[in-house]
Amino acid sequence: MQSSPTITELAKALSKAQGHIQHAARANENPFFKSKYADLASVTDACRKALVEHGLAVLHGVDSDDGAVVRVTCRLVHESGEWVESALALRPAKADPQSIGSAITYARRYTLAAMVGVATEDDDGNAAGAPSGPPARQRDVPQGHAKSADPGSVDRKALTEQVRAWSGVQPEDVPGVMNLLKRRLKIEGKLEEKDYARVSKFVADMGSKGKSLEDVQADTNAEDAR
């Protein structure tokens, strides 16, 4: 994080503003993962009024390396001229306008929330069983490099890490991927510990064959339609 030489007035203003910043409601649904999330508008609505009332504003800048990596900088400025900023780099799924735009919106949402202290309602609901830590950055793990864990040592955490490495999703979307894998492998009911090795092997096979999450989704939908 970078800042102006002093942030005394900004710190005072932000501490007061945070007393009035609301939680951002998860009002939008991700149809692919069947999960709800707080979009950029919800996060902005949760903090805009409190920030403005205390002389604070947020600016976002965007840089990109031919669409391969998108870097979004979030700067919090105070009417005194003081500022702090931090940046987040993401690798879009594809180098097309839609994927790049989605990455920018995603980065703006998480950098804004992190910068001013906005939390989402039921923030850990969809991430149950997922590794802890900030979900803002997607891991740059090449497809086909998600190795199968040792069948004798596959636990929920190890399987979650493997699934994230293969699919490239954020922690809150892991449960949706797990549900897709259950459908694909015809596993009924709750995913049990006895199923972990089987799912791990399947994910490793998909990675070695160069098959993505979207490929598995398409194959599963096609099989369900038969």
C-alpha atoms as a PDB file:
ATOM      1  CA  MET A   1       0.000   0.000   0.000  1.00  0.00           C
ATOM      2  CA  GLN A   2       1.226   3.497  -0.829  1.00  0.00           C
ATOM      3  CA  SER A   3       0.189   6.845   0.643  1.00  0.00           C
ATOM      4  CA  SER A   4       0.795  10.572   0.714  1.00  0.00           C
ATOM      5  CA  PRO A   5       3.549  11.786   3.092  1.00  0.00           C
ATOM      6  CA  THR A   6       0.962  12.198   5.857  1.00  0.00           C
ATOM      7  CA  ILE A   7      -2.482  10.626   6.342  1.00  0.00           C
ATOM      8  CA  THR A   8      -3.453  12.152   9.691  1.00  0.00           C
ATOM      9  CA  GLU A   9      -6.615  13.887   8.492  1.00  0.00           C
ATOM     10  CA  LEU A  10      -7.581  10.988   6.247  1.00  0.00           C
ATOM     11  CA  ALA A  11      -7.222   8.519   9.110  1.00  0.00           C
ATOM     12  CA  LYS A  12      -9.436  10.654  11.358  1.00  0.00           C
ATOM     13  CA  ALA A  13     -12.089  10.953   8.662  1.00  0.00           C
ATOM     14  CA  LEU A  14     -12.031   7.246   7.793  1.00  0.00           C
ATOM     15  CA  SER A  15     -12.320   6.178  11.432  1.00  0.00           C
ATOM     16  CA  LYS A  16     -15.453   8.311  11.743  1.00  0.00           C
ATOM     17  CA  ALA A  17     -16.865   7.140   8.420  1.00  0.00           C
ATOM     18  CA  GLN A  18     -16.417   3.482   9.317  1.00  0.00           C
ATOM     19  CA  GLY A  19     -18.799   4.001  12.210  1.00  0.00           C
ATOM     20  CA  HIS A  20     -21.538   4.555   9.628  1.00  0.00           C
ATOM     21  CA  ILE A  21     -20.508   2.161   6.842  1.00  0.00           C
ATOM     22  CA  GLN A  22     -23.070  -0.595   6.349  1.00  0.00           C
ATOM     23  CA  HIS A  23     -22.734  -4.256   5.419  1.00  0.00           C
ATOM     24  CA  ALA A  24     -23.128  -4.943   1.696  1.00  0.00           C
ATOM     25  CA  ALA A  25     -26.042  -7.287   1.082  1.00  0.00           C
ATOM     26  CA  ARG A  26     -25.544 -10.363  -1.109  1.00  0.00           C
ATOM     27  CA  ALA A  27     -28.463  -9.549  -3.360  1.00  0.00           C
ATOM     28  CA  ASN A  28     -27.159 -10.880  -6.690  1.00  0.00           C
ATOM     29  CA  GLU A  29     -27.118 -14.514  -7.734  1.00  0.00           C
ATOM     30  CA  ASN A  30     -24.412 -16.265  -9.700  1.00  0.00           C
ATOM     31  CA  PRO A  31     -26.464 -18.625 -11.913  1.00  0.00           C
ATOM     32  CA  PHE A  32     -23.464 -20.830 -12.699  1.00  0.00           C
ATOM     33  CA  PHE A  33     -22.514 -21.547  -9.103  1.00  0.00           C
ATOM     34  CA  LYS A  34     -26.018 -21.089  -7.600  1.00  0.00           C
ATOM     35  CA  SER A  35     -24.592 -18.688  -5.026  1.00  0.00           C
ATOM     36  CA  LYS A  36     -25.345 -15.117  -3.975  1.00  0.00           C
ATOM     37  CA  TYR A  37     -22.844 -12.285  -3.770  1.00  0.00           C
ATOM     38  CA  ALA A  38     -22.620  -8.545  -3.156  1.00  0.00           C
ATOM     39  CA  ASP A  39     -21.953  -6.791  -6.464  1.00  0.00           C
ATOM     40  CA  LEU A  40     -20.049  -3.534  -6.982  1.00  0.00           C
ATOM     41  CA  ALA A  41     -23.232  -1.458  -6.682  1.00  0.00           C
ATOM     42  CA  SER A  42     -24.059  -3.059  -3.310  1.00  0.00           C
ATOM     43  CA  VAL A  43     -20.572  -2.414  -1.958  1.00  0.00           C
ATOM     44  CA  THR A  44     -20.671   1.189  -3.213  1.00  0.00           C
ATOM     45  CA  ASP A  45     -24.114   1.797  -1.699  1.00  0.00           C
ATOM     46  CA  ALA A  46     -22.865   0.466   1.638  1.00  0.00           C
ATOM     47  CA  CYS A  47     -20.136   3.100   1.955  1.00  0.00           C
ATOM     48  CA  ARG A  48     -20.737   6.067  -0.400  1.00  0.00           C
ATOM     49  CA  LYS A  49     -22.844   8.204   1.947  1.00  0.00           C
ATOM     50  CA  ALA A  50     -20.527   7.739   4.940  1.00  0.00           C
ATOM     51  CA  LEU A  51     -17.454   8.541   2.844  1.00  0.00           C
ATOM     52  CA  VAL A  52     -18.934  11.675   1.291  1.00  0.00           C
ATOM     53  CA  GLU A  53     -20.138  12.987   4.654  1.00  0.00           C
ATOM     54  CA  HIS A  54     -16.573  12.814   5.965  1.00  0.00           C
ATOM     55  CA  GLY A  55     -14.807  14.339   2.968  1.00  0.00           C
ATOM     56  CA  LEU A  56     -13.627  11.076   1.431  1.00  0.00           C
ATOM     57  CA  ALA A  57     -13.796   9.781  -2.123  1.00  0.00           C
ATOM     58  CA  VAL A  58     -12.600   6.690  -3.993  1.00  0.00           C
ATOM     59  CA  LEU A  59     -10.866   6.615  -7.378  1.00  0.00           C
ATOM     60  CA  HIS A  60     -10.100   3.553  -9.474  1.00  0.00           C
ATOM     61  CA  GLY A  61      -7.460   3.406 -12.181  1.00  0.00           C
ATOM     62  CA  VAL A  62      -6.949   0.547 -14.646  1.00  0.00           C
ATOM     63  CA  ASP A  63      -3.847  -0.668 -16.464  1.00  0.00           C
ATOM     64  CA  SER A  64      -3.564  -3.725 -18.674  1.00  0.00           C
ATOM     65  CA  ASP A  65      -0.838  -5.666 -20.436  1.00  0.00           C
ATOM     66  CA  ASP A  66      -2.647  -6.494 -23.688  1.00  0.00           C
ATOM     67  CA  GLY A  67      -5.515  -7.937 -21.644  1.00  0.00           C
ATOM     68  CA  ALA A  68      -3.316 -10.725 -20.267  1.00  0.00           C
ATOM     69  CA  VAL A  69      -3.149  -9.117 -16.827  1.00  0.00           C
ATOM     70  CA  VAL A  70      -5.447  -6.383 -15.554  1.00  0.00           C
ATOM     71  CA  ARG A  71      -4.189  -4.157 -12.746  1.00  0.00           C
ATOM     72  CA  VAL A  72      -6.741  -2.060 -10.843  1.00  0.00           C
ATOM     73  CA  THR A  73      -5.554   0.635  -8.425  1.00  0.00           C
ATOM     74  CA  CYS A  74      -7.912   1.853  -5.721  1.00  0.00           C
ATOM     75  CA  ARG A  75      -7.107   5.263  -4.197  1.00  0.00           C
ATOM     76  CA  LEU A  76      -8.913   6.690  -1.174  1.00  0.00           C
ATOM     77  CA  VAL A  77      -8.567  10.484  -1.101  1.00  0.00           C
ATOM     78  CA  HIS A  78      -9.450  13.060   1.544  1.00  0.00           C
ATOM     79  CA  GLU A  79     -10.459  16.668   1.001  1.00  0.00           C
ATOM     80  CA  SER A  80      -7.167  17.676   2.661  1.00  0.00           C
ATOM     81  CA  GLY A  81      -5.302  16.138  -0.272  1.00  0.00           C
ATOM     82  CA  GLU A  82      -4.070  13.110   1.670  1.00  0.00           C
ATOM     83  CA  TRP A  83      -4.472   9.698   0.074  1.00  0.00           C
ATOM     84  CA  VAL A  84      -3.755   5.987   0.349  1.00  0.00           C
ATOM     85  CA  GLU A  85      -3.877   3.440  -2.439  1.00  0.00           C
ATOM     86  CA  SER A  86      -3.400  -0.230  -3.175  1.00  0.00           C
ATOM     87  CA  ALA A  87      -3.521  -2.292  -6.367  1.00  0.00           C
ATOM     88  CA  LEU A  88      -4.780  -5.708  -7.384  1.00  0.00           C
ATOM     89  CA  ALA A  89      -3.650  -7.652 -10.471  1.00  0.00           C
ATOM     90  CA  LEU A  90      -5.923 -10.279 -12.029  1.00  0.00           C
ATOM     91  CA  ARG A  91      -5.552 -12.554 -15.031  1.00  0.00           C
ATOM     92  CA  PRO A  92      -8.853 -12.614 -17.019  1.00  0.00           C
ATOM     93  CA  ALA A  93     -10.096 -16.002 -18.192  1.00  0.00           C
ATOM     94  CA  LYS A  94      -9.853 -14.750 -21.778  1.00  0.00           C
ATOM     95  CA  ALA A  95      -8.380 -11.666 -23.448  1.00  0.00           C
ATOM     96  CA  ASP A  96     -11.764 -10.502 -24.740  1.00  0.00           C
ATOM     97  CA  PRO A  97     -13.766  -7.386 -23.710  1.00  0.00           C
ATOM     98  CA  GLN A  98     -16.272  -9.309 -21.590  1.00  0.00           C
ATOM     99  CA  SER A  99     -13.648 -11.190 -19.567  1.00  0.00           C
ATOM    100  CA  ILE A 100     -11.505  -8.090 -19.121  1.00  0.00           C
ATOM    101  CA  GLY A 101     -14.533  -6.047 -18.058  1.00  0.00           C
ATOM    102  CA  SER A 102     -15.555  -8.721 -15.549  1.00  0.00           C
ATOM    103  CA  ALA A 103     -12.044  -8.785 -14.075  1.00  0.00           C
ATOM    104  CA  ILE A 104     -12.032  -4.996 -13.706  1.00  0.00           C
ATOM    105  CA  THR A 105     -15.434  -4.974 -11.994  1.00  0.00           C
ATOM    106  CA  TYR A 106     -14.366  -7.823  -9.718  1.00  0.00           C
ATOM    107  CA  ALA A 107     -11.159  -6.004  -8.733  1.00  0.00           C
ATOM    108  CA  ARG A 108     -12.990  -2.711  -8.145  1.00  0.00           C
ATOM    109  CA  ARG A 109     -15.475  -4.470  -5.853  1.00  0.00           C
ATOM    110  CA  TYR A 110     -12.880  -6.177  -3.690  1.00  0.00           C
ATOM    111  CA  THR A 111     -10.386  -3.310  -3.524  1.00  0.00           C
ATOM    112  CA  LEU A 112     -13.147  -0.882  -2.524  1.00  0.00           C
ATOM    113  CA  ALA A 113     -14.451  -3.216   0.169  1.00  0.00           C
ATOM    114  CA  ALA A 114     -10.956  -3.840   1.515  1.00  0.00           C
ATOM    115  CA  MET A 115      -9.923  -0.184   1.412  1.00  0.00           C
ATOM    116  CA  VAL A 116     -12.820   1.249   3.406  1.00  0.00           C
ATOM    117  CA  GLY A 117     -13.825  -1.777   5.478  1.00  0.00           C
ATOM    118  CA  VAL A 118     -17.064  -2.992   3.875  1.00  0.00           C
ATOM    119  CA  ALA A 119     -18.093  -6.518   4.857  1.00  0.00           C
ATOM    120  CA  THR A 120     -20.706  -8.602   3.080  1.00  0.00           C
ATOM    121  CA  GLU A 121     -23.600 -10.170   4.931  1.00  0.00           C
ATOM    122  CA  ASP A 122     -23.076 -13.888   5.689  1.00  0.00           C
ATOM    123  CA  ASP A 123     -19.535 -13.408   4.444  1.00  0.00           C
ATOM    124  CA  ASP A 124     -18.461 -16.972   5.215  1.00  0.00           C
ATOM    125  CA  GLY A 125     -21.640 -18.767   4.154  1.00  0.00           C
ATOM    126  CA  ASN A 126     -20.585 -19.969   0.719  1.00  0.00           C
ATOM    127  CA  ALA A 127     -16.960 -20.433   1.648  1.00  0.00           C
ATOM    128  CA  ALA A 128     -17.606 -23.183   4.188  1.00  0.00           C
ATOM    129  CA  GLY A 129     -14.817 -25.697   3.814  1.00  0.00           C
ATOM    130  CA  ALA A 130     -12.803 -23.357   1.607  1.00  0.00           C
ATOM    131  CA  PRO A 131      -9.368 -22.116   2.644  1.00  0.00           C
ATOM    132  CA  SER A 132      -9.302 -18.923   4.669  1.00  0.00           C
ATOM    133  CA  GLY A 133      -7.846 -15.669   3.420  1.00  0.00           C
ATOM    134  CA  PRO A 134      -8.857 -12.817   1.103  1.00  0.00           C
ATOM    135  CA  PRO A 135     -10.607 -14.012  -2.074  1.00  0.00           C
ATOM    136  CA  ALA A 136      -9.664 -11.065  -4.152  1.00  0.00           C
ATOM    137  CA  ARG A 137      -6.931 -12.567  -6.283  1.00  0.00           C
ATOM    138  CA  GLN A 138      -7.445 -15.466  -8.613  1.00  0.00           C
ATOM    139  CA  ARG A 139      -4.567 -17.895  -8.575  1.00  0.00           C
ATOM    140  CA  ASP A 140      -2.491 -17.981 -11.724  1.00  0.00           C
ATOM    141  CA  VAL A 141      -2.252 -21.781 -11.899  1.00  0.00           C
ATOM    142  CA  PRO A 142      -2.004 -23.222 -15.421  1.00  0.00           C
ATOM    143  CA  GLN A 143      -4.690 -25.741 -16.286  1.00  0.00           C
ATOM    144  CA  GLY A 144      -3.390 -29.287 -16.359  1.00  0.00           C
ATOM    145  CA  HIS A 145      -1.156 -28.763 -13.305  1.00  0.00           C
ATOM    146  CA  ALA A 146      -3.622 -29.718 -10.577  1.00  0.00           C
ATOM    147  CA  LYS A 147      -2.035 -32.886  -9.258  1.00  0.00           C
ATOM    148  CA  SER A 148      -4.017 -35.619  -7.570  1.00  0.00           C
ATOM    149  CA  ALA A 149      -3.465 -35.813  -3.849  1.00  0.00           C
ATOM    150  CA  ASP A 150      -2.290 -38.989  -2.181  1.00  0.00           C
ATOM    151  CA  PRO A 151      -5.511 -41.046  -1.824  1.00  0.00           C
ATOM    152  CA  GLY A 152      -4.553 -41.872   1.737  1.00  0.00           C
ATOM    153  CA  SER A 153      -4.227 -38.224   2.721  1.00  0.00           C
ATOM    154  CA  VAL A 154      -7.056 -36.482   0.843  1.00  0.00           C
ATOM    155  CA  ASP A 155      -8.967 -34.207   3.195  1.00  0.00           C
ATOM    156  CA  ARG A 156     -11.388 -31.377   2.545  1.00  0.00           C
ATOM    157  CA  LYS A 157      -8.692 -28.694   2.610  1.00  0.00           C
ATOM    158  CA  ALA A 158      -6.399 -30.549   0.195  1.00  0.00           C
ATOM    159  CA  LEU A 159      -9.272 -31.259  -2.176  1.00  0.00           C
ATOM    160  CA  THR A 160     -10.411 -27.633  -2.043  1.00  0.00           C
ATOM    161  CA  GLU A 161      -6.918 -26.398  -2.904  1.00  0.00           C
ATOM    162  CA  GLN A 162      -6.748 -28.850  -5.817  1.00  0.00           C
ATOM    163  CA  VAL A 163     -10.158 -27.803  -7.152  1.00  0.00           C
ATOM    164  CA  ARG A 164      -9.243 -24.125  -6.921  1.00  0.00           C
ATOM    165  CA  ALA A 165      -5.942 -24.722  -8.731  1.00  0.00           C
ATOM    166  CA  TRP A 166      -7.705 -26.548 -11.557  1.00  0.00           C
ATOM    167  CA  SER A 167     -10.780 -24.332 -11.921  1.00  0.00           C
ATOM    168  CA  GLY A 168      -9.293 -20.930 -11.021  1.00  0.00           C
ATOM    169  CA  VAL A 169     -12.408 -19.936  -9.061  1.00  0.00           C
ATOM    170  CA  GLN A 170     -12.577 -17.803  -5.944  1.00  0.00           C
ATOM    171  CA  PRO A 171     -13.111 -19.406  -2.506  1.00  0.00           C
ATOM    172  CA  GLU A 172     -16.807 -18.520  -2.339  1.00  0.00           C
ATOM    173  CA  ASP A 173     -17.410 -20.364  -5.626  1.00  0.00           C
ATOM    174  CA  VAL A 174     -15.773 -23.629  -4.547  1.00  0.00           C
ATOM    175  CA  PRO A 175     -19.051 -25.131  -3.218  1.00  0.00           C
ATOM    176  CA  GLY A 176     -20.621 -24.606  -6.645  1.00  0.00           C
ATOM    177  CA  VAL A 177     -17.756 -26.412  -8.354  1.00  0.00           C
ATOM    178  CA  MET A 178     -18.028 -29.243  -5.824  1.00  0.00           C
ATOM    179  CA  ASN A 179     -21.722 -29.599  -6.631  1.00  0.00           C
ATOM    180  CA  LEU A 180     -20.909 -29.772 -10.343  1.00  0.00           C
ATOM    181  CA  LEU A 181     -18.312 -32.483  -9.714  1.00  0.00           C
ATOM    182  CA  LYS A 182     -20.842 -34.428  -7.646  1.00  0.00           C
ATOM    183  CA  ARG A 183     -23.290 -34.294 -10.564  1.00  0.00           C
ATOM    184  CA  ARG A 184     -20.602 -35.337 -13.018  1.00  0.00           C
ATOM    185  CA  LEU A 185     -19.557 -38.300 -10.860  1.00  0.00           C
ATOM    186  CA  LYS A 186     -23.148 -39.114  -9.860  1.00  0.00           C
ATOM    187  CA  ILE A 187     -22.457 -38.767  -6.156  1.00  0.00           C
ATOM    188  CA  GLU A 188     -25.730 -38.583  -4.271  1.00  0.00           C
ATOM    189  CA  GLY A 189     -26.265 -36.471  -1.170  1.00  0.00           C
ATOM    190  CA  LYS A 190     -23.526 -34.698   0.771  1.00  0.00           C
ATOM    191  CA  LEU A 191     -19.928 -35.076  -0.349  1.00  0.00           C
ATOM    192  CA  GLU A 192     -18.411 -37.470   2.178  1.00  0.00           C
ATOM    193  CA  GLU A 193     -14.804 -38.094   3.123  1.00  0.00           C
ATOM    194  CA  LYS A 194     -14.908 -41.419   1.287  1.00  0.00           C
ATOM    195  CA  ASP A 195     -15.606 -39.509  -1.958  1.00  0.00           C
ATOM    196  CA  TYR A 196     -12.607 -37.152  -1.712  1.00  0.00           C
ATOM    197  CA  ALA A 197     -10.072 -39.466  -3.392  1.00  0.00           C
ATOM    198  CA  ARG A 198     -12.460 -40.151  -6.274  1.00  0.00           C
ATOM    199  CA  VAL A 199     -13.099 -36.446  -6.865  1.00  0.00           C
ATOM    200  CA  SER A 200      -9.383 -35.702  -6.557  1.00  0.00           C
ATOM    201  CA  LYS A 201      -8.518 -38.300  -9.202  1.00  0.00           C
ATOM    202  CA  PHE A 202     -11.194 -36.954 -11.563  1.00  0.00           C
ATOM    203  CA  VAL A 203      -9.922 -33.370 -11.228  1.00  0.00           C
ATOM    204  CA  ALA A 204      -6.349 -34.524 -11.839  1.00  0.00           C
ATOM    205  CA  ASP A 205      -7.478 -36.436 -14.954  1.00  0.00           C
ATOM    206  CA  MET A 206      -9.322 -33.372 -16.278  1.00  0.00           C
ATOM    207  CA  GLY A 207      -6.248 -31.237 -15.737  1.00  0.00           C
ATOM    208  CA  SER A 208      -3.932 -33.693 -17.483  1.00  0.00           C
ATOM    209  CA  LYS A 209      -6.321 -33.790 -20.457  1.00  0.00           C
ATOM    210  CA  GLY A 210      -6.470 -29.995 -20.625  1.00  0.00           C
ATOM    211  CA  LYS A 211     -10.176 -29.927 -19.795  1.00  0.00           C
ATOM    212  CA  SER A 212     -11.452 -26.800 -18.080  1.00  0.00           C
ATOM    213  CA  LEU A 213     -14.317 -26.191 -15.678  1.00  0.00           C
ATOM    214  CA  GLU A 214     -16.437 -25.030 -18.617  1.00  0.00           C
ATOM    215  CA  ASP A 215     -15.715 -28.293 -20.459  1.00  0.00           C
ATOM    216  CA  VAL A 216     -16.880 -30.335 -17.479  1.00  0.00           C
ATOM    217  CA  GLN A 217     -19.986 -28.166 -17.175  1.00  0.00           C
ATOM    218  CA  ALA A 218     -20.818 -28.732 -20.841  1.00  0.00           C
ATOM    219  CA  ASP A 219     -20.205 -32.491 -20.609  1.00  0.00           C
ATOM    220  CA  THR A 220     -22.349 -32.743 -17.496  1.00  0.00           C
ATOM    221  CA  ASN A 221     -25.220 -30.780 -19.018  1.00  0.00           C
ATOM    222  CA  ALA A 222     -25.068 -32.941 -22.139  1.00  0.00           C
ATOM    223  CA  GLU A 223     -25.148 -36.131 -20.087  1.00  0.00           C
ATOM    224  CA  ASP A 224     -28.037 -34.874 -17.953  1.00  0.00           C
ATOM    225  CA  ALA A 225     -30.001 -34.102 -21.111  1.00  0.00           C
ATOM    226  CA  ARG A 226     -29.738 -37.651 -22.416  1.00  0.00           C
END
